[in-house]
Amino acid sequence: MKKAVSIITAICLIISLATPVLARYQYIDRISANLTISSSGTATCDGLVTSISAGGNGEVTVTLERFVNGSWTYVNSWTTTGRALYTTGTHSQSVTSGFWYRVVVVGKVYNSSGTLLETADITTGARYY
């Protein structure tokens, strides 16, 4: 009996390790971030958040950061609000050469009463200019 319980426990452990655990949002359908830097040094920073339902409002905050002395530092930030179903923000910023840059996007979805339902964030990979 002990051996059967041990085998069943081992099988359950193997199955649980093989099953990926995915983050699932209840209200946010999609969040994305993008950063491009032109050859002339203009960073284009994009953020998008979409919700599962059209009720309420959405908010997307796009933050440009630069890697300086071993840590990410603030360069500029923009916040756009709109209908919760689809809220996007695209912003441009001149950047200084010789640094790594990234964009952090924070998306929020509110219900029609203005209560925050959910927050999600995403960060781009670093881009060197």
C-alpha atoms as a PDB file:
ATOM      1  CA  MET A   1       0.000   0.000   0.000  1.00  0.00           C
ATOM      2  CA  LYS A   2       2.816   2.436   0.895  1.00  0.00           C
ATOM      3  CA  LYS A   3       4.541   1.644  -2.394  1.00  0.00           C
ATOM      4  CA  ALA A   4       1.337   2.350  -4.380  1.00  0.00           C
ATOM      5  CA  VAL A   5       0.880   5.697  -2.619  1.00  0.00           C
ATOM      6  CA  SER A   6       4.511   6.623  -3.317  1.00  0.00           C
ATOM      7  CA  ILE A   7       4.138   5.769  -7.010  1.00  0.00           C
ATOM      8  CA  ILE A   8       0.908   7.772  -7.317  1.00  0.00           C
ATOM      9  CA  THR A   9       2.514  10.728  -5.527  1.00  0.00           C
ATOM     10  CA  ALA A  10       5.527  10.570  -7.865  1.00  0.00           C
ATOM     11  CA  ILE A  11       3.268  10.470 -10.945  1.00  0.00           C
ATOM     12  CA  CYS A  12       1.277  13.468  -9.700  1.00  0.00           C
ATOM     13  CA  LEU A  13       4.495  15.401  -9.079  1.00  0.00           C
ATOM     14  CA  ILE A  14       5.777  14.622 -12.582  1.00  0.00           C
ATOM     15  CA  ILE A  15       2.478  15.704 -14.159  1.00  0.00           C
ATOM     16  CA  SER A  16       2.401  18.946 -12.153  1.00  0.00           C
ATOM     17  CA  LEU A  17       5.977  19.777 -13.193  1.00  0.00           C
ATOM     18  CA  ALA A  18       5.202  19.102 -16.852  1.00  0.00           C
ATOM     19  CA  THR A  19       2.119  21.353 -16.915  1.00  0.00           C
ATOM     20  CA  PRO A  20       3.052  24.995 -17.530  1.00  0.00           C
ATOM     21  CA  VAL A  21       1.454  27.612 -15.336  1.00  0.00           C
ATOM     22  CA  LEU A  22       0.413  30.591 -17.445  1.00  0.00           C
ATOM     23  CA  ALA A  23      -0.456  34.031 -16.109  1.00  0.00           C
ATOM     24  CA  ARG A  24      -4.067  34.725 -16.958  1.00  0.00           C
ATOM     25  CA  TYR A  25      -5.707  38.058 -16.623  1.00  0.00           C
ATOM     26  CA  GLN A  26      -9.354  38.369 -15.750  1.00  0.00           C
ATOM     27  CA  TYR A  27     -10.060  41.705 -17.489  1.00  0.00           C
ATOM     28  CA  ILE A  28      -7.006  42.480 -19.635  1.00  0.00           C
ATOM     29  CA  ASP A  29      -6.964  40.699 -22.964  1.00  0.00           C
ATOM     30  CA  ARG A  30      -3.602  41.918 -24.262  1.00  0.00           C
ATOM     31  CA  ILE A  31      -0.739  44.194 -23.278  1.00  0.00           C
ATOM     32  CA  SER A  32       2.206  45.025 -25.490  1.00  0.00           C
ATOM     33  CA  ALA A  33       5.236  47.289 -25.629  1.00  0.00           C
ATOM     34  CA  ASN A  34       7.577  48.284 -28.431  1.00  0.00           C
ATOM     35  CA  LEU A  35      10.678  50.436 -28.764  1.00  0.00           C
ATOM     36  CA  THR A  36      12.409  51.501 -31.957  1.00  0.00           C
ATOM     37  CA  ILE A  37      15.285  53.967 -32.228  1.00  0.00           C
ATOM     38  CA  SER A  38      16.019  55.676 -35.528  1.00  0.00           C
ATOM     39  CA  SER A  39      19.524  56.284 -36.823  1.00  0.00           C
ATOM     40  CA  SER A  40      19.085  59.973 -35.915  1.00  0.00           C
ATOM     41  CA  GLY A  41      18.348  59.157 -32.259  1.00  0.00           C
ATOM     42  CA  THR A  42      14.581  59.373 -32.054  1.00  0.00           C
ATOM     43  CA  ALA A  43      13.068  56.708 -29.817  1.00  0.00           C
ATOM     44  CA  THR A  44       9.510  55.705 -30.667  1.00  0.00           C
ATOM     45  CA  CYS A  45       7.812  54.195 -27.634  1.00  0.00           C
ATOM     46  CA  ASP A  46       4.558  52.260 -28.049  1.00  0.00           C
ATOM     47  CA  GLY A  47       2.186  50.790 -25.498  1.00  0.00           C
ATOM     48  CA  LEU A  48      -1.134  49.004 -25.877  1.00  0.00           C
ATOM     49  CA  VAL A  49      -3.688  47.509 -23.512  1.00  0.00           C
ATOM     50  CA  THR A  50      -6.942  45.897 -24.583  1.00  0.00           C
ATOM     51  CA  SER A  51      -9.666  44.653 -22.295  1.00  0.00           C
ATOM     52  CA  ILE A  52     -12.015  41.725 -22.562  1.00  0.00           C
ATOM     53  CA  SER A  53     -15.135  43.933 -22.421  1.00  0.00           C
ATOM     54  CA  ALA A  54     -15.944  47.375 -23.774  1.00  0.00           C
ATOM     55  CA  GLY A  55     -17.267  48.817 -20.494  1.00  0.00           C
ATOM     56  CA  GLY A  56     -15.226  51.279 -18.490  1.00  0.00           C
ATOM     57  CA  ASN A  57     -11.890  52.899 -19.305  1.00  0.00           C
ATOM     58  CA  GLY A  58      -8.343  51.866 -19.993  1.00  0.00           C
ATOM     59  CA  GLU A  59      -5.073  53.545 -19.146  1.00  0.00           C
ATOM     60  CA  VAL A  60      -1.654  52.883 -20.603  1.00  0.00           C
ATOM     61  CA  THR A  61       1.535  54.395 -19.177  1.00  0.00           C
ATOM     62  CA  VAL A  62       4.622  54.185 -21.375  1.00  0.00           C
ATOM     63  CA  THR A  63       7.951  54.833 -19.637  1.00  0.00           C
ATOM     64  CA  LEU A  64      11.292  55.164 -21.418  1.00  0.00           C
ATOM     65  CA  GLU A  65      14.311  54.120 -19.342  1.00  0.00           C
ATOM     66  CA  ARG A  66      18.085  54.272 -19.889  1.00  0.00           C
ATOM     67  CA  PHE A  67      20.700  51.950 -18.393  1.00  0.00           C
ATOM     68  CA  VAL A  68      23.239  54.070 -16.475  1.00  0.00           C
ATOM     69  CA  ASN A  69      25.856  52.909 -13.948  1.00  0.00           C
ATOM     70  CA  GLY A  70      24.347  49.456 -13.560  1.00  0.00           C
ATOM     71  CA  SER A  71      20.673  50.357 -13.192  1.00  0.00           C
ATOM     72  CA  TRP A  72      17.682  51.499 -15.224  1.00  0.00           C
ATOM     73  CA  THR A  73      16.885  55.200 -14.829  1.00  0.00           C
ATOM     74  CA  TYR A  74      13.837  57.241 -15.813  1.00  0.00           C
ATOM     75  CA  VAL A  75      13.977  59.268 -19.044  1.00  0.00           C
ATOM     76  CA  ASN A  76      10.344  60.175 -19.731  1.00  0.00           C
ATOM     77  CA  SER A  77       6.831  58.867 -19.236  1.00  0.00           C
ATOM     78  CA  TRP A  78       3.452  59.353 -20.936  1.00  0.00           C
ATOM     79  CA  THR A  79      -0.025  58.281 -19.867  1.00  0.00           C
ATOM     80  CA  THR A  80      -2.955  57.840 -22.240  1.00  0.00           C
ATOM     81  CA  THR A  81      -6.536  57.059 -21.226  1.00  0.00           C
ATOM     82  CA  GLY A  82      -9.363  55.864 -23.408  1.00  0.00           C
ATOM     83  CA  ARG A  83     -12.085  53.318 -23.840  1.00  0.00           C
ATOM     84  CA  ALA A  84     -11.127  50.114 -22.048  1.00  0.00           C
ATOM     85  CA  LEU A  85     -11.532  47.948 -25.118  1.00  0.00           C
ATOM     86  CA  TYR A  86      -8.467  49.433 -26.817  1.00  0.00           C
ATOM     87  CA  THR A  87      -6.090  52.005 -25.331  1.00  0.00           C
ATOM     88  CA  THR A  88      -2.816  52.801 -27.066  1.00  0.00           C
ATOM     89  CA  GLY A  89      -0.063  55.364 -26.753  1.00  0.00           C
ATOM     90  CA  THR A  90       2.785  56.183 -29.153  1.00  0.00           C
ATOM     91  CA  HIS A  91       5.357  58.781 -28.154  1.00  0.00           C
ATOM     92  CA  SER A  92       8.703  60.032 -29.449  1.00  0.00           C
ATOM     93  CA  GLN A  93      11.742  61.141 -27.508  1.00  0.00           C
ATOM     94  CA  SER A  94      15.252  62.169 -28.545  1.00  0.00           C
ATOM     95  CA  VAL A  95      17.869  59.944 -26.930  1.00  0.00           C
ATOM     96  CA  THR A  96      21.598  60.205 -26.321  1.00  0.00           C
ATOM     97  CA  SER A  97      23.920  57.765 -28.047  1.00  0.00           C
ATOM     98  CA  GLY A  98      26.065  55.313 -26.115  1.00  0.00           C
ATOM     99  CA  PHE A  99      23.331  53.871 -23.884  1.00  0.00           C
ATOM    100  CA  TRP A 100      20.895  50.966 -23.658  1.00  0.00           C
ATOM    101  CA  TYR A 101      17.190  51.874 -23.622  1.00  0.00           C
ATOM    102  CA  ARG A 102      13.974  50.020 -22.850  1.00  0.00           C
ATOM    103  CA  VAL A 103      10.255  50.746 -22.530  1.00  0.00           C
ATOM    104  CA  VAL A 104       8.066  49.689 -19.612  1.00  0.00           C
ATOM    105  CA  VAL A 105       4.316  49.663 -20.227  1.00  0.00           C
ATOM    106  CA  VAL A 106       1.743  49.528 -17.424  1.00  0.00           C
ATOM    107  CA  GLY A 107      -1.834  48.894 -18.494  1.00  0.00           C
ATOM    108  CA  LYS A 108      -4.875  49.394 -16.287  1.00  0.00           C
ATOM    109  CA  VAL A 109      -8.540  48.609 -16.799  1.00  0.00           C
ATOM    110  CA  TYR A 110     -11.307  50.366 -14.858  1.00  0.00           C
ATOM    111  CA  ASN A 111     -15.007  49.574 -14.698  1.00  0.00           C
ATOM    112  CA  SER A 112     -17.675  52.130 -15.638  1.00  0.00           C
ATOM    113  CA  SER A 113     -17.711  53.392 -12.017  1.00  0.00           C
ATOM    114  CA  GLY A 114     -13.995  54.166 -12.133  1.00  0.00           C
ATOM    115  CA  THR A 115     -12.897  51.274  -9.918  1.00  0.00           C
ATOM    116  CA  LEU A 116      -9.561  49.737 -10.905  1.00  0.00           C
ATOM    117  CA  LEU A 117     -10.190  46.148 -11.997  1.00  0.00           C
ATOM    118  CA  GLU A 118      -6.729  45.012 -13.085  1.00  0.00           C
ATOM    119  CA  THR A 119      -3.164  46.122 -13.738  1.00  0.00           C
ATOM    120  CA  ALA A 120      -0.549  44.445 -15.930  1.00  0.00           C
ATOM    121  CA  ASP A 121       2.924  45.417 -17.088  1.00  0.00           C
ATOM    122  CA  ILE A 122       5.395  44.419 -19.768  1.00  0.00           C
ATOM    123  CA  THR A 123       8.959  45.484 -20.603  1.00  0.00           C
ATOM    124  CA  THR A 124      10.680  45.499 -23.987  1.00  0.00           C
ATOM    125  CA  GLY A 125      14.109  44.073 -24.538  1.00  0.00           C
ATOM    126  CA  ALA A 126      16.966  46.555 -24.329  1.00  0.00           C
ATOM    127  CA  ARG A 127      18.005  48.495 -27.455  1.00  0.00           C
ATOM    128  CA  TYR A 128      21.418  50.126 -27.836  1.00  0.00           C
ATOM    129  CA  TYR A 129      21.860  53.470 -29.510  1.00  0.00           C
END
